[in-house]
PDB file of N, CA and C in Angstrom:
ATOM      1  N   MET A   1      29.592  10.747  -8.701  1.00  0.00           N
ATOM      2  CA  MET A   1      28.246  11.530  -8.274  1.00  0.00           C
ATOM      3  C   MET A   1      27.960  12.466  -9.419  1.00  0.00           C
ATOM      4  N   SER A   2      26.722  12.710  -9.395  1.00  0.00           N
ATOM      5  CA  SER A   2      26.114  13.568 -10.550  1.00  0.00           C
ATOM      6  C   SER A   2      25.486  14.787  -9.827  1.00  0.00           C
ATOM      7  N   ASP A   3      25.631  15.931 -10.548  1.00  0.00           N
ATOM      8  CA  ASP A   3      25.154  17.153  -9.869  1.00  0.00           C
ATOM      9  C   ASP A   3      24.007  17.782 -10.931  1.00  0.00           C
ATOM     10  N   ARG A   4      23.315  16.672 -11.615  1.00  0.00           N
ATOM     11  CA  ARG A   4      22.254  17.029 -12.396  1.00  0.00           C
ATOM     12  C   ARG A   4      20.957  17.235 -11.761  1.00  0.00           C
ATOM     13  N   LYS A   5      20.353  18.456 -11.898  1.00  0.00           N
ATOM     14  CA  LYS A   5      18.837  18.523 -11.194  1.00  0.00           C
ATOM     15  C   LYS A   5      17.866  18.462 -12.321  1.00  0.00           C
ATOM     16  N   VAL A   6      16.828  17.773 -11.730  1.00  0.00           N
ATOM     17  CA  VAL A   6      15.543  17.860 -12.579  1.00  0.00           C
ATOM     18  C   VAL A   6      14.665  19.075 -12.323  1.00  0.00           C
ATOM     19  N   PRO A   7      14.418  19.638 -13.366  1.00  0.00           N
ATOM     20  CA  PRO A   7      13.579  20.896 -13.012  1.00  0.00           C
ATOM     21  C   PRO A   7      12.029  20.530 -12.518  1.00  0.00           C
ATOM     22  N   THR A   8      11.674  21.487 -11.720  1.00  0.00           N
ATOM     23  CA  THR A   8      10.484  21.380 -10.874  1.00  0.00           C
ATOM     24  C   THR A   8       9.138  21.055 -11.882  1.00  0.00           C
ATOM     25  N   ARG A   9       9.099  21.675 -12.881  1.00  0.00           N
ATOM     26  CA  ARG A   9       7.976  21.332 -13.780  1.00  0.00           C
ATOM     27  C   ARG A   9       7.861  19.980 -14.302  1.00  0.00           C
ATOM     28  N   ILE A  10       8.987  19.318 -14.245  1.00  0.00           N
ATOM     29  CA  ILE A  10       9.052  17.793 -14.761  1.00  0.00           C
ATOM     30  C   ILE A  10       9.075  16.916 -13.536  1.00  0.00           C
ATOM     31  N   GLY A  11       9.683  17.210 -12.492  1.00  0.00           N
ATOM     32  CA  GLY A  11       9.762  16.284 -11.259  1.00  0.00           C
ATOM     33  C   GLY A  11       8.561  16.319 -10.481  1.00  0.00           C
ATOM     34  N   ALA A  12       7.796  17.484 -10.481  1.00  0.00           N
ATOM     35  CA  ALA A  12       6.562  17.590  -9.484  1.00  0.00           C
ATOM     36  C   ALA A  12       5.555  16.767 -10.123  1.00  0.00           C
ATOM     37  N   PRO A  13       5.284  16.709 -11.212  1.00  0.00           N
ATOM     38  CA  PRO A  13       4.163  15.822 -11.629  1.00  0.00           C
ATOM     39  C   PRO A  13       4.445  14.153 -11.571  1.00  0.00           C
ATOM     40  N   ILE A  14       5.843  13.931 -11.723  1.00  0.00           N
ATOM     41  CA  ILE A  14       6.332  12.582 -11.676  1.00  0.00           C
ATOM     42  C   ILE A  14       6.396  12.329 -10.297  1.00  0.00           C
ATOM     43  N   GLY A  15       6.705  13.031  -9.312  1.00  0.00           N
ATOM     44  CA  GLY A  15       6.548  12.801  -7.825  1.00  0.00           C
ATOM     45  C   GLY A  15       5.087  12.683  -7.504  1.00  0.00           C
ATOM     46  N   ALA A  16       4.326  13.461  -7.843  1.00  0.00           N
ATOM     47  CA  ALA A  16       2.541  13.326  -7.566  1.00  0.00           C
ATOM     48  C   ALA A  16       2.264  12.090  -8.219  1.00  0.00           C
ATOM     49  N   ALA A  17       2.607  11.669  -9.297  1.00  0.00           N
ATOM     50  CA  ALA A  17       2.104  10.470  -9.979  1.00  0.00           C
ATOM     51  C   ALA A  17       2.618   9.130  -9.107  1.00  0.00           C
ATOM     52  N   LEU A  18       3.772   9.338  -8.634  1.00  0.00           N
ATOM     53  CA  LEU A  18       4.360   8.129  -7.677  1.00  0.00           C
ATOM     54  C   LEU A  18       3.783   7.939  -6.379  1.00  0.00           C
ATOM     55  N   VAL A  19       3.315   9.074  -5.791  1.00  0.00           N
ATOM     56  CA  VAL A  19       2.635   9.042  -4.548  1.00  0.00           C
ATOM     57  C   VAL A  19       1.335   8.433  -4.834  1.00  0.00           C
ATOM     58  N   VAL A  20       0.433   8.779  -5.862  1.00  0.00           N
ATOM     59  CA  VAL A  20      -0.782   8.498  -6.113  1.00  0.00           C
ATOM     60  C   VAL A  20      -0.642   6.877  -6.571  1.00  0.00           C
ATOM     61  N   THR A  21       0.330   6.508  -7.132  1.00  0.00           N
ATOM     62  CA  THR A  21       0.504   5.063  -7.543  1.00  0.00           C
ATOM     63  C   THR A  21       0.731   4.236  -6.421  1.00  0.00           C
ATOM     64  N   ALA A  22       1.546   4.802  -5.390  1.00  0.00           N
ATOM     65  CA  ALA A  22       1.869   4.045  -4.210  1.00  0.00           C
ATOM     66  C   ALA A  22       0.733   4.027  -3.400  1.00  0.00           C
ATOM     67  N   VAL A  23      -0.187   4.946  -3.292  1.00  0.00           N
ATOM     68  CA  VAL A  23      -1.342   4.769  -2.312  1.00  0.00           C
ATOM     69  C   VAL A  23      -2.354   3.846  -3.016  1.00  0.00           C
ATOM     70  N   ALA A  24      -2.558   3.768  -4.354  1.00  0.00           N
ATOM     71  CA  ALA A  24      -3.432   2.843  -5.005  1.00  0.00           C
ATOM     72  C   ALA A  24      -2.877   1.610  -4.949  1.00  0.00           C
ATOM     73  N   ILE A  25      -1.729   1.306  -4.929  1.00  0.00           N
ATOM     74  CA  ILE A  25      -1.309  -0.080  -4.654  1.00  0.00           C
ATOM     75  C   ILE A  25      -1.515  -0.527  -3.264  1.00  0.00           C
ATOM     76  N   ALA A  26      -1.298   0.316  -2.338  1.00  0.00           N
ATOM     77  CA  ALA A  26      -1.376   0.060  -0.989  1.00  0.00           C
ATOM     78  C   ALA A  26      -2.971  -0.222  -0.624  1.00  0.00           C
ATOM     79  N   ASP A  27      -3.915   0.515  -1.221  1.00  0.00           N
ATOM     80  CA  ASP A  27      -5.302   0.373  -1.006  1.00  0.00           C
ATOM     81  C   ASP A  27      -5.654  -0.904  -1.679  1.00  0.00           C
ATOM     82  N   GLY A  28      -5.197  -1.138  -2.987  1.00  0.00           N
ATOM     83  CA  GLY A  28      -5.670  -2.582  -3.478  1.00  0.00           C
ATOM     84  C   GLY A  28      -5.055  -3.689  -2.893  1.00  0.00           C
ATOM     85  N   SER A  29      -3.908  -3.551  -2.212  1.00  0.00           N
ATOM     86  CA  SER A  29      -3.471  -4.593  -1.362  1.00  0.00           C
ATOM     87  C   SER A  29      -4.308  -4.793  -0.048  1.00  0.00           C
ATOM     88  N   LEU A  30      -4.667  -3.929   0.571  1.00  0.00           N
ATOM     89  CA  LEU A  30      -5.462  -3.952   1.716  1.00  0.00           C
ATOM     90  C   LEU A  30      -6.774  -4.371   1.143  1.00  0.00           C
ATOM     91  N   LYS A  31      -7.484  -4.192   0.231  1.00  0.00           N
ATOM     92  CA  LYS A  31      -8.791  -4.732  -0.224  1.00  0.00           C
ATOM     93  C   LYS A  31      -8.691  -6.099  -0.704  1.00  0.00           C
ATOM     94  N   LEU A  32      -7.624  -6.500  -1.371  1.00  0.00           N
ATOM     95  CA  LEU A  32      -7.423  -7.935  -1.803  1.00  0.00           C
ATOM     96  C   LEU A  32      -7.076  -8.807  -0.615  1.00  0.00           C
ATOM     97  N   TYR A  33      -6.207  -8.435   0.181  1.00  0.00           N
ATOM     98  CA  TYR A  33      -5.725  -9.433   1.197  1.00  0.00           C
ATOM     99  C   TYR A  33      -6.382  -9.325   2.759  1.00  0.00           C
ATOM    100  N   ASP A  34      -6.903  -8.185   3.008  1.00  0.00           N
ATOM    101  CA  ASP A  34      -7.398  -7.924   4.366  1.00  0.00           C
ATOM    102  C   ASP A  34      -8.602  -8.860   4.654  1.00  0.00           C
ATOM    103  N   GLY A  35      -9.608  -8.749   3.711  1.00  0.00           N
ATOM    104  CA  GLY A  35     -10.831  -9.509   3.880  1.00  0.00           C
ATOM    105  C   GLY A  35     -10.441 -11.006   3.875  1.00  0.00           C
ATOM    106  N   SER A  36      -9.704 -11.588   3.130  1.00  0.00           N
ATOM    107  CA  SER A  36      -9.395 -12.925   2.967  1.00  0.00           C
ATOM    108  C   SER A  36      -8.604 -13.553   4.196  1.00  0.00           C
ATOM    109  N   VAL A  37      -7.663 -12.768   4.679  1.00  0.00           N
ATOM    110  CA  VAL A  37      -6.843 -13.006   5.843  1.00  0.00           C
ATOM    111  C   VAL A  37      -7.728 -13.074   6.975  1.00  0.00           C
ATOM    112  N   ARG A  38      -8.560 -11.917   7.128  1.00  0.00           N
ATOM    113  CA  ARG A  38      -9.332 -12.053   8.328  1.00  0.00           C
ATOM    114  C   ARG A  38     -10.295 -13.096   8.423  1.00  0.00           C
ATOM    115  N   ARG A  39     -11.028 -13.544   7.381  1.00  0.00           N
ATOM    116  CA  ARG A  39     -11.860 -14.633   7.393  1.00  0.00           C
ATOM    117  C   ARG A  39     -11.044 -15.993   7.557  1.00  0.00           C
ATOM    118  N   TRP A  40      -9.637 -16.252   7.213  1.00  0.00           N
ATOM    119  CA  TRP A  40      -9.099 -17.240   7.412  1.00  0.00           C
ATOM    120  C   TRP A  40      -8.438 -17.226   8.984  1.00  0.00           C
ATOM    121  N   MET A  41      -8.063 -16.181   9.442  1.00  0.00           N
ATOM    122  CA  MET A  41      -7.751 -16.247  10.911  1.00  0.00           C
ATOM    123  C   MET A  41      -8.855 -16.247  11.853  1.00  0.00           C
ATOM    124  N   SER A  42     -10.081 -15.625  11.542  1.00  0.00           N
ATOM    125  CA  SER A  42     -11.066 -15.491  12.737  1.00  0.00           C
ATOM    126  C   SER A  42     -11.286 -16.805  13.295  1.00  0.00           C
ATOM    127  N   PRO A  43     -11.567 -17.983  12.592  1.00  0.00           N
ATOM    128  CA  PRO A  43     -11.836 -19.017  13.480  1.00  0.00           C
ATOM    129  C   PRO A  43     -10.618 -19.600  14.240  1.00  0.00           C
ATOM    130  N   ARG A  44      -9.496 -19.514  13.559  1.00  0.00           N
ATOM    131  CA  ARG A  44      -8.361 -19.944  14.315  1.00  0.00           C
ATOM    132  C   ARG A  44      -8.077 -19.070  15.618  1.00  0.00           C
ATOM    133  N   LEU A  45      -8.232 -17.834  15.642  1.00  0.00           N
ATOM    134  CA  LEU A  45      -7.962 -16.972  16.792  1.00  0.00           C
ATOM    135  C   LEU A  45      -8.965 -17.002  17.687  1.00  0.00           C
ATOM    136  N   SER A  46     -10.180 -17.412  17.180  1.00  0.00           N
ATOM    137  CA  SER A  46     -11.335 -17.584  18.351  1.00  0.00           C
ATOM    138  C   SER A  46     -11.127 -18.733  19.026  1.00  0.00           C
ATOM    139  N   ARG A  47     -10.607 -19.950  18.380  1.00  0.00           N
ATOM    140  CA  ARG A  47     -10.305 -20.951  19.040  1.00  0.00           C
ATOM    141  C   ARG A  47      -9.172 -20.967  20.047  1.00  0.00           C
ATOM    142  N   LEU A  48      -8.274 -20.202  19.560  1.00  0.00           N
ATOM    143  CA  LEU A  48      -6.955 -19.897  20.466  1.00  0.00           C
ATOM    144  C   LEU A  48      -7.329 -19.203  21.868  1.00  0.00           C
ATOM    145  N   PHE A  49      -8.188 -18.201  21.655  1.00  0.00           N
ATOM    146  CA  PHE A  49      -8.472 -17.137  22.742  1.00  0.00           C
ATOM    147  C   PHE A  49      -9.767 -17.531  23.446  1.00  0.00           C
ATOM    148  N   GLY A  50     -10.460 -18.492  22.850  1.00  0.00           N
ATOM    149  CA  GLY A  50     -11.892 -18.855  23.438  1.00  0.00           C
ATOM    150  C   GLY A  50     -12.801 -17.741  23.494  1.00  0.00           C
ATOM    151  N   ARG A  51     -12.904 -16.956  22.376  1.00  0.00           N
ATOM    152  CA  ARG A  51     -13.835 -16.069  22.259  1.00  0.00           C
ATOM    153  C   ARG A  51     -15.114 -16.238  21.428  1.00  0.00           C
TER     154      ARG A  51
END
């Protein structure tokens, strides 16, 4: 186990960049897959549930 600590002036920007990157990846995945999956599933679900 290591007891090394990262200074806040280094860790805070890296943590903020990590959060921004994670949100950007999540948003991009939503935009890329959500529309195509909805278009693909809509006819199948409407046949299944009769709507």
